[in-house]
């Protein structure tokens, strides 16, 4: 028999792991994007958008995120971003270049607070 254990949206047996699934999905998207970014020199990159969404989910489901986000993976993702930025930074319009780098640094700094 399914149980309800609180009034929260995820306060029942059917919904309690929804946050976990979204964190897992976000991590898998980031991994896919990182694989793609390692192989391309395009100025378009969806990594920061995926990190931003993971952070949005992580703020709500911080306990789940802390159990699923690996600190070594976050370092790896940051390296992928920085390597990509080094390769293509001169292709990014100057008016956006510094802001993109700063935004990436800020997002990774926040993400590094989570995980094990």
C-alpha atoms as a PDB file:
ATOM      1  CA  UNK A   1       0.000   0.000   0.000  1.00  0.00           C
ATOM      2  CA  UNK A   2       1.317   3.449  -0.938  1.00  0.00           C
ATOM      3  CA  UNK A   3       1.850   5.950   1.831  1.00  0.00           C
ATOM      4  CA  UNK A   4       1.505   9.682   2.203  1.00  0.00           C
ATOM      5  CA  UNK A   5       3.957  11.011   4.766  1.00  0.00           C
ATOM      6  CA  UNK A   6       3.726  14.793   4.377  1.00  0.00           C
ATOM      7  CA  UNK A   7       1.847  17.581   2.629  1.00  0.00           C
ATOM      8  CA  UNK A   8       4.835  18.402   0.400  1.00  0.00           C
ATOM      9  CA  UNK A   9       4.488  17.724  -3.337  1.00  0.00           C
ATOM     10  CA  UNK A  10       6.980  14.887  -2.934  1.00  0.00           C
ATOM     11  CA  UNK A  11       5.514  13.700   0.365  1.00  0.00           C
ATOM     12  CA  UNK A  12       4.274  10.342  -0.852  1.00  0.00           C
ATOM     13  CA  UNK A  13       5.698   7.020  -2.001  1.00  0.00           C
ATOM     14  CA  UNK A  14       5.065   7.706  -5.686  1.00  0.00           C
ATOM     15  CA  UNK A  15       6.704  11.126  -5.712  1.00  0.00           C
ATOM     16  CA  UNK A  16       9.507  10.985  -3.166  1.00  0.00           C
ATOM     17  CA  UNK A  17      12.169  10.067  -5.733  1.00  0.00           C
ATOM     18  CA  UNK A  18      11.208  12.559  -8.438  1.00  0.00           C
ATOM     19  CA  UNK A  19      14.011  14.915  -7.360  1.00  0.00           C
ATOM     20  CA  UNK A  20      16.524  12.072  -7.549  1.00  0.00           C
ATOM     21  CA  UNK A  21      15.447  11.269 -11.087  1.00  0.00           C
ATOM     22  CA  UNK A  22      15.779  14.899 -12.196  1.00  0.00           C
ATOM     23  CA  UNK A  23      19.246  15.170 -10.662  1.00  0.00           C
ATOM     24  CA  UNK A  24      20.276  11.925 -12.397  1.00  0.00           C
ATOM     25  CA  UNK A  25      18.838  13.159 -15.700  1.00  0.00           C
ATOM     26  CA  UNK A  26      20.664  16.489 -15.374  1.00  0.00           C
ATOM     27  CA  UNK A  27      23.941  14.737 -14.666  1.00  0.00           C
ATOM     28  CA  UNK A  28      23.484  12.492 -17.715  1.00  0.00           C
ATOM     29  CA  UNK A  29      22.770  15.541 -19.894  1.00  0.00           C
ATOM     30  CA  UNK A  30      25.925  17.235 -18.606  1.00  0.00           C
ATOM     31  CA  UNK A  31      27.974  14.120 -19.330  1.00  0.00           C
ATOM     32  CA  UNK A  32      26.616  14.007 -22.902  1.00  0.00           C
ATOM     33  CA  UNK A  33      27.335  17.694 -23.439  1.00  0.00           C
ATOM     34  CA  UNK A  34      30.866  17.307 -22.074  1.00  0.00           C
ATOM     35  CA  UNK A  35      31.534  14.450 -24.500  1.00  0.00           C
ATOM     36  CA  UNK A  36      30.297  16.656 -27.340  1.00  0.00           C
ATOM     37  CA  UNK A  37      32.338  19.667 -26.180  1.00  0.00           C
ATOM     38  CA  UNK A  38      35.549  17.675 -26.047  1.00  0.00           C
ATOM     39  CA  UNK A  39      35.200  17.034 -29.774  1.00  0.00           C
ATOM     40  CA  UNK A  40      34.089  20.389 -31.156  1.00  0.00           C
ATOM     41  CA  UNK A  41      35.249  23.929 -31.631  1.00  0.00           C
ATOM     42  CA  UNK A  42      31.834  25.524 -32.033  1.00  0.00           C
ATOM     43  CA  UNK A  43      31.091  28.623 -30.020  1.00  0.00           C
ATOM     44  CA  UNK A  44      27.692  27.229 -29.074  1.00  0.00           C
ATOM     45  CA  UNK A  45      27.794  25.203 -25.891  1.00  0.00           C
ATOM     46  CA  UNK A  46      24.854  24.061 -23.771  1.00  0.00           C
ATOM     47  CA  UNK A  47      26.963  23.118 -20.752  1.00  0.00           C
ATOM     48  CA  UNK A  48      26.345  26.248 -18.698  1.00  0.00           C
ATOM     49  CA  UNK A  49      22.592  26.041 -19.286  1.00  0.00           C
ATOM     50  CA  UNK A  50      22.622  22.434 -18.076  1.00  0.00           C
ATOM     51  CA  UNK A  51      24.702  23.361 -15.026  1.00  0.00           C
ATOM     52  CA  UNK A  52      22.281  26.208 -14.274  1.00  0.00           C
ATOM     53  CA  UNK A  53      19.297  23.825 -14.419  1.00  0.00           C
ATOM     54  CA  UNK A  54      21.100  21.264 -12.258  1.00  0.00           C
ATOM     55  CA  UNK A  55      21.697  24.000  -9.697  1.00  0.00           C
ATOM     56  CA  UNK A  56      18.012  24.933  -9.764  1.00  0.00           C
ATOM     57  CA  UNK A  57      17.067  21.325  -9.005  1.00  0.00           C
ATOM     58  CA  UNK A  58      19.901  20.988  -6.485  1.00  0.00           C
ATOM     59  CA  UNK A  59      18.694  23.959  -4.459  1.00  0.00           C
ATOM     60  CA  UNK A  60      15.325  22.215  -3.993  1.00  0.00           C
ATOM     61  CA  UNK A  61      16.653  18.676  -3.567  1.00  0.00           C
ATOM     62  CA  UNK A  62      20.012  19.356  -1.928  1.00  0.00           C
ATOM     63  CA  UNK A  63      20.137  16.105   0.045  1.00  0.00           C
ATOM     64  CA  UNK A  64      19.581  14.031  -3.097  1.00  0.00           C
ATOM     65  CA  UNK A  65      22.037  16.157  -5.059  1.00  0.00           C
ATOM     66  CA  UNK A  66      24.709  15.793  -2.385  1.00  0.00           C
ATOM     67  CA  UNK A  67      24.409  12.023  -2.711  1.00  0.00           C
ATOM     68  CA  UNK A  68      24.531  12.013  -6.522  1.00  0.00           C
ATOM     69  CA  UNK A  69      26.934  14.770  -7.565  1.00  0.00           C
ATOM     70  CA  UNK A  70      30.563  13.689  -7.486  1.00  0.00           C
ATOM     71  CA  UNK A  71      33.048  16.465  -6.711  1.00  0.00           C
ATOM     72  CA  UNK A  72      35.572  14.890  -9.092  1.00  0.00           C
ATOM     73  CA  UNK A  73      32.969  15.018 -11.870  1.00  0.00           C
ATOM     74  CA  UNK A  74      32.332  18.695 -11.206  1.00  0.00           C
ATOM     75  CA  UNK A  75      36.078  19.327 -11.519  1.00  0.00           C
ATOM     76  CA  UNK A  76      36.095  17.355 -14.768  1.00  0.00           C
ATOM     77  CA  UNK A  77      33.137  19.351 -16.134  1.00  0.00           C
ATOM     78  CA  UNK A  78      34.880  22.606 -15.207  1.00  0.00           C
ATOM     79  CA  UNK A  79      38.007  21.422 -17.018  1.00  0.00           C
ATOM     80  CA  UNK A  80      35.974  20.550 -20.116  1.00  0.00           C
ATOM     81  CA  UNK A  81      34.449  24.040 -20.054  1.00  0.00           C
ATOM     82  CA  UNK A  82      37.805  25.753 -19.523  1.00  0.00           C
ATOM     83  CA  UNK A  83      39.495  23.687 -22.246  1.00  0.00           C
ATOM     84  CA  UNK A  84      36.641  24.483 -24.626  1.00  0.00           C
ATOM     85  CA  UNK A  85      36.846  28.177 -23.729  1.00  0.00           C
ATOM     86  CA  UNK A  86      40.599  28.196 -24.403  1.00  0.00           C
ATOM     87  CA  UNK A  87      40.040  26.639 -27.845  1.00  0.00           C
ATOM     88  CA  UNK A  88      37.169  28.848 -28.960  1.00  0.00           C
ATOM     89  CA  UNK A  89      37.353  31.963 -26.786  1.00  0.00           C
ATOM     90  CA  UNK A  90      38.683  34.086 -29.628  1.00  0.00           C
ATOM     91  CA  UNK A  91      35.672  33.086 -31.765  1.00  0.00           C
ATOM     92  CA  UNK A  92      33.183  34.360 -29.169  1.00  0.00           C
ATOM     93  CA  UNK A  93      32.152  37.964 -29.811  1.00  0.00           C
ATOM     94  CA  UNK A  94      34.205  40.202 -27.528  1.00  0.00           C
ATOM     95  CA  UNK A  95      31.138  41.747 -25.896  1.00  0.00           C
ATOM     96  CA  UNK A  96      30.107  38.298 -24.572  1.00  0.00           C
ATOM     97  CA  UNK A  97      33.463  36.594 -23.985  1.00  0.00           C
ATOM     98  CA  UNK A  98      34.278  37.839 -20.483  1.00  0.00           C
ATOM     99  CA  UNK A  99      30.679  37.446 -19.324  1.00  0.00           C
ATOM    100  CA  UNK A 100      30.488  33.841 -20.496  1.00  0.00           C
ATOM    101  CA  UNK A 101      33.718  32.983 -18.695  1.00  0.00           C
ATOM    102  CA  UNK A 102      32.597  34.791 -15.527  1.00  0.00           C
ATOM    103  CA  UNK A 103      29.202  33.083 -15.660  1.00  0.00           C
ATOM    104  CA  UNK A 104      30.877  29.692 -16.000  1.00  0.00           C
ATOM    105  CA  UNK A 105      33.181  30.397 -13.068  1.00  0.00           C
ATOM    106  CA  UNK A 106      30.239  31.478 -10.921  1.00  0.00           C
ATOM    107  CA  UNK A 107      28.111  28.442 -11.793  1.00  0.00           C
ATOM    108  CA  UNK A 108      30.927  25.987 -11.147  1.00  0.00           C
ATOM    109  CA  UNK A 109      31.808  27.693  -7.869  1.00  0.00           C
ATOM    110  CA  UNK A 110      28.241  27.201  -6.655  1.00  0.00           C
ATOM    111  CA  UNK A 111      28.051  23.630  -7.940  1.00  0.00           C
ATOM    112  CA  UNK A 112      31.274  22.729  -6.143  1.00  0.00           C
ATOM    113  CA  UNK A 113      29.452  23.297  -2.839  1.00  0.00           C
ATOM    114  CA  UNK A 114      27.400  20.170  -3.479  1.00  0.00           C
ATOM    115  CA  UNK A 115      28.356  16.571  -3.793  1.00  0.00           C
ATOM    116  CA  UNK A 116      30.677  14.102  -2.247  1.00  0.00           C
END
